[in-house]
C-alpha atoms as a PDB file:
ATOM      1  CA  UNK A   1      91.264 121.494  72.994  1.00  0.00           C
ATOM      2  CA  UNK A   2      87.411 120.528  73.768  1.00  0.00           C
ATOM      3  CA  UNK A   3      85.393 121.316  71.094  1.00  0.00           C
ATOM      4  CA  UNK A   4      83.270 123.536  73.970  1.00  0.00           C
ATOM      5  CA  UNK A   5      86.207 125.529  75.386  1.00  0.00           C
ATOM      6  CA  UNK A   6      85.330 129.309  74.865  1.00  0.00           C
ATOM      7  CA  UNK A   7      88.365 131.521  76.502  1.00  0.00           C
ATOM      8  CA  UNK A   8      90.981 131.139  79.476  1.00  0.00           C
ATOM      9  CA  UNK A   9      88.425 133.071  81.455  1.00  0.00           C
ATOM     10  CA  UNK A  10      91.014 135.974  82.664  1.00  0.00           C
ATOM     11  CA  UNK A  11      89.212 138.608  81.015  1.00  0.00           C
ATOM     12  CA  UNK A  12      85.739 139.076  80.750  1.00  0.00           C
ATOM     13  CA  UNK A  13      83.041 141.885  78.754  1.00  0.00           C
ATOM     14  CA  UNK A  14      81.629 144.085  81.066  1.00  0.00           C
ATOM     15  CA  UNK A  15      78.984 146.542  80.302  1.00  0.00           C
ATOM     16  CA  UNK A  16      79.035 149.482  82.949  1.00  0.00           C
ATOM     17  CA  UNK A  17      76.191 151.093  84.479  1.00  0.00           C
ATOM     18  CA  UNK A  18      78.562 154.304  84.774  1.00  0.00           C
ATOM     19  CA  UNK A  19      81.601 155.781  83.841  1.00  0.00           C
ATOM     20  CA  UNK A  20      84.461 153.483  84.954  1.00  0.00           C
ATOM     21  CA  UNK A  21      88.384 154.513  85.318  1.00  0.00           C
ATOM     22  CA  UNK A  22      90.958 152.334  83.724  1.00  0.00           C
ATOM     23  CA  UNK A  23      92.402 150.192  87.145  1.00  0.00           C
ATOM     24  CA  UNK A  24      89.083 150.903  89.094  1.00  0.00           C
ATOM     25  CA  UNK A  25      87.483 147.807  90.692  1.00  0.00           C
ATOM     26  CA  UNK A  26      84.223 146.732  89.350  1.00  0.00           C
ATOM     27  CA  UNK A  27      81.897 143.594  91.026  1.00  0.00           C
ATOM     28  CA  UNK A  28      80.293 141.944  88.420  1.00  0.00           C
ATOM     29  CA  UNK A  29      77.452 139.993  90.127  1.00  0.00           C
ATOM     30  CA  UNK A  30      79.850 137.998  92.928  1.00  0.00           C
ATOM     31  CA  UNK A  31      83.023 138.266  90.505  1.00  0.00           C
ATOM     32  CA  UNK A  32      85.617 140.948  91.415  1.00  0.00           C
ATOM     33  CA  UNK A  33      87.864 142.478  88.598  1.00  0.00           C
ATOM     34  CA  UNK A  34      89.612 145.171  87.818  1.00  0.00           C
ATOM     35  CA  UNK A  35      88.595 147.467  84.513  1.00  0.00           C
ATOM     36  CA  UNK A  36      92.069 147.341  82.250  1.00  0.00           C
ATOM     37  CA  UNK A  37      91.055 150.810  80.432  1.00  0.00           C
ATOM     38  CA  UNK A  38      88.199 153.287  80.809  1.00  0.00           C
ATOM     39  CA  UNK A  39      84.890 151.967  80.033  1.00  0.00           C
ATOM     40  CA  UNK A  40      82.005 155.006  79.465  1.00  0.00           C
ATOM     41  CA  UNK A  41      78.249 154.563  80.862  1.00  0.00           C
ATOM     42  CA  UNK A  42      76.595 152.107  78.774  1.00  0.00           C
ATOM     43  CA  UNK A  43      79.689 150.753  76.678  1.00  0.00           C
ATOM     44  CA  UNK A  44      81.376 147.488  77.281  1.00  0.00           C
ATOM     45  CA  UNK A  45      85.069 147.178  78.091  1.00  0.00           C
ATOM     46  CA  UNK A  46      87.629 144.269  79.046  1.00  0.00           C
ATOM     47  CA  UNK A  47      87.599 143.770  83.032  1.00  0.00           C
ATOM     48  CA  UNK A  48      90.584 141.343  84.246  1.00  0.00           C
ATOM     49  CA  UNK A  49      89.006 138.735  87.141  1.00  0.00           C
ATOM     50  CA  UNK A  50      92.420 137.084  87.833  1.00  0.00           C
ATOM     51  CA  UNK A  51      95.718 138.318  88.936  1.00  0.00           C
ATOM     52  CA  UNK A  52      97.192 140.624  91.684  1.00  0.00           C
ATOM     53  CA  UNK A  53      96.086 144.154  92.005  1.00  0.00           C
ATOM     54  CA  UNK A  54      96.499 147.087  94.403  1.00  0.00           C
ATOM     55  CA  UNK A  55      92.547 148.043  95.565  1.00  0.00           C
ATOM     56  CA  UNK A  56      91.393 150.937  97.806  1.00  0.00           C
ATOM     57  CA  UNK A  57      90.925 149.417 101.264  1.00  0.00           C
ATOM     58  CA  UNK A  58      89.238 149.962 104.488  1.00  0.00           C
ATOM     59  CA  UNK A  59      90.936 151.413 107.478  1.00  0.00           C
ATOM     60  CA  UNK A  60      92.215 148.399 109.463  1.00  0.00           C
ATOM     61  CA  UNK A  61      95.043 145.938 109.202  1.00  0.00           C
ATOM     62  CA  UNK A  62      95.052 143.352 106.644  1.00  0.00           C
ATOM     63  CA  UNK A  63      97.146 139.884 106.662  1.00  0.00           C
ATOM     64  CA  UNK A  64      98.377 138.186 104.054  1.00  0.00           C
ATOM     65  CA  UNK A  65      95.687 135.407 103.086  1.00  0.00           C
ATOM     66  CA  UNK A  66      93.068 136.912 104.782  1.00  0.00           C
ATOM     67  CA  UNK A  67      89.702 136.900 102.739  1.00  0.00           C
ATOM     68  CA  UNK A  68      88.646 140.215 101.674  1.00  0.00           C
ATOM     69  CA  UNK A  69      85.548 141.567 100.874  1.00  0.00           C
ATOM     70  CA  UNK A  70      84.293 144.355  98.849  1.00  0.00           C
ATOM     71  CA  UNK A  71      82.721 147.199 100.740  1.00  0.00           C
ATOM     72  CA  UNK A  72      79.762 148.533  97.767  1.00  0.00           C
ATOM     73  CA  UNK A  73      78.809 151.419  99.972  1.00  0.00           C
ATOM     74  CA  UNK A  74      82.435 152.998 100.627  1.00  0.00           C
ATOM     75  CA  UNK A  75      83.905 151.183  97.443  1.00  0.00           C
ATOM     76  CA  UNK A  76      86.921 149.617  99.413  1.00  0.00           C
ATOM     77  CA  UNK A  77      88.082 146.224  99.882  1.00  0.00           C
ATOM     78  CA  UNK A  78      87.300 145.097 103.428  1.00  0.00           C
ATOM     79  CA  UNK A  79      88.111 141.893 105.939  1.00  0.00           C
ATOM     80  CA  UNK A  80      84.528 142.543 107.177  1.00  0.00           C
ATOM     81  CA  UNK A  81      82.071 139.416 105.477  1.00  0.00           C
ATOM     82  CA  UNK A  82      78.731 141.008 106.758  1.00  0.00           C
ATOM     83  CA  UNK A  83      77.084 142.487 104.064  1.00  0.00           C
ATOM     84  CA  UNK A  84      80.054 142.556 101.632  1.00  0.00           C
ATOM     85  CA  UNK A  85      80.547 140.522  98.651  1.00  0.00           C
ATOM     86  CA  UNK A  86      83.853 138.151  99.310  1.00  0.00           C
ATOM     87  CA  UNK A  87      86.382 138.982  95.987  1.00  0.00           C
ATOM     88  CA  UNK A  88      89.473 137.043  97.056  1.00  0.00           C
ATOM     89  CA  UNK A  89      92.371 137.474  99.331  1.00  0.00           C
ATOM     90  CA  UNK A  90      95.248 139.575 100.421  1.00  0.00           C
ATOM     91  CA  UNK A  91      98.411 138.510  98.364  1.00  0.00           C
ATOM     92  CA  UNK A  92     100.246 140.660 100.775  1.00  0.00           C
ATOM     93  CA  UNK A  93     100.357 142.120 104.281  1.00  0.00           C
ATOM     94  CA  UNK A  94      98.575 145.592 104.650  1.00  0.00           C
ATOM     95  CA  UNK A  95      99.168 148.094 107.567  1.00  0.00           C
ATOM     96  CA  UNK A  96      96.138 149.973 109.096  1.00  0.00           C
ATOM     97  CA  UNK A  97      96.828 153.093 107.715  1.00  0.00           C
ATOM     98  CA  UNK A  98      97.821 152.004 104.498  1.00  0.00           C
ATOM     99  CA  UNK A  99      95.285 153.255 101.635  1.00  0.00           C
ATOM    100  CA  UNK A 100      95.391 149.935  99.537  1.00  0.00           C
ATOM    101  CA  UNK A 101      95.588 146.592  99.596  1.00  0.00           C
ATOM    102  CA  UNK A 102      97.113 143.903  97.328  1.00  0.00           C
ATOM    103  CA  UNK A 103      94.008 141.456  96.499  1.00  0.00           C
ATOM    104  CA  UNK A 104      94.489 138.169  94.144  1.00  0.00           C
ATOM    105  CA  UNK A 105      91.249 138.200  92.723  1.00  0.00           C
ATOM    106  CA  UNK A 106      88.800 135.672  93.540  1.00  0.00           C
ATOM    107  CA  UNK A 107      91.062 133.158  94.992  1.00  0.00           C
ATOM    108  CA  UNK A 108      89.200 131.548  98.490  1.00  0.00           C
ATOM    109  CA  UNK A 109      85.781 131.827  97.555  1.00  0.00           C
END
């Protein structure tokens, strides 16, 4: 293995600017992730940045493979690019009224 290898990169440390619940979506710059466990405000905790997760979404249908963006104002995934940060693609289709969408994190960026 290369001498400069650090780790696989599936999980990153994140210092919370507010209390974060286990399973909550977080945006680390341009990287989307999900908190593995609760992280207290000011504390550092683990955030998974690879994999498929169920995350709250905006109203509207989502097709499998569609690019998904994080709407930080409303704390939901959306298919609207304007003003939002791309964080992955839909791992499965979701109906307009579904509360969540399955996201494959940080793919299709």
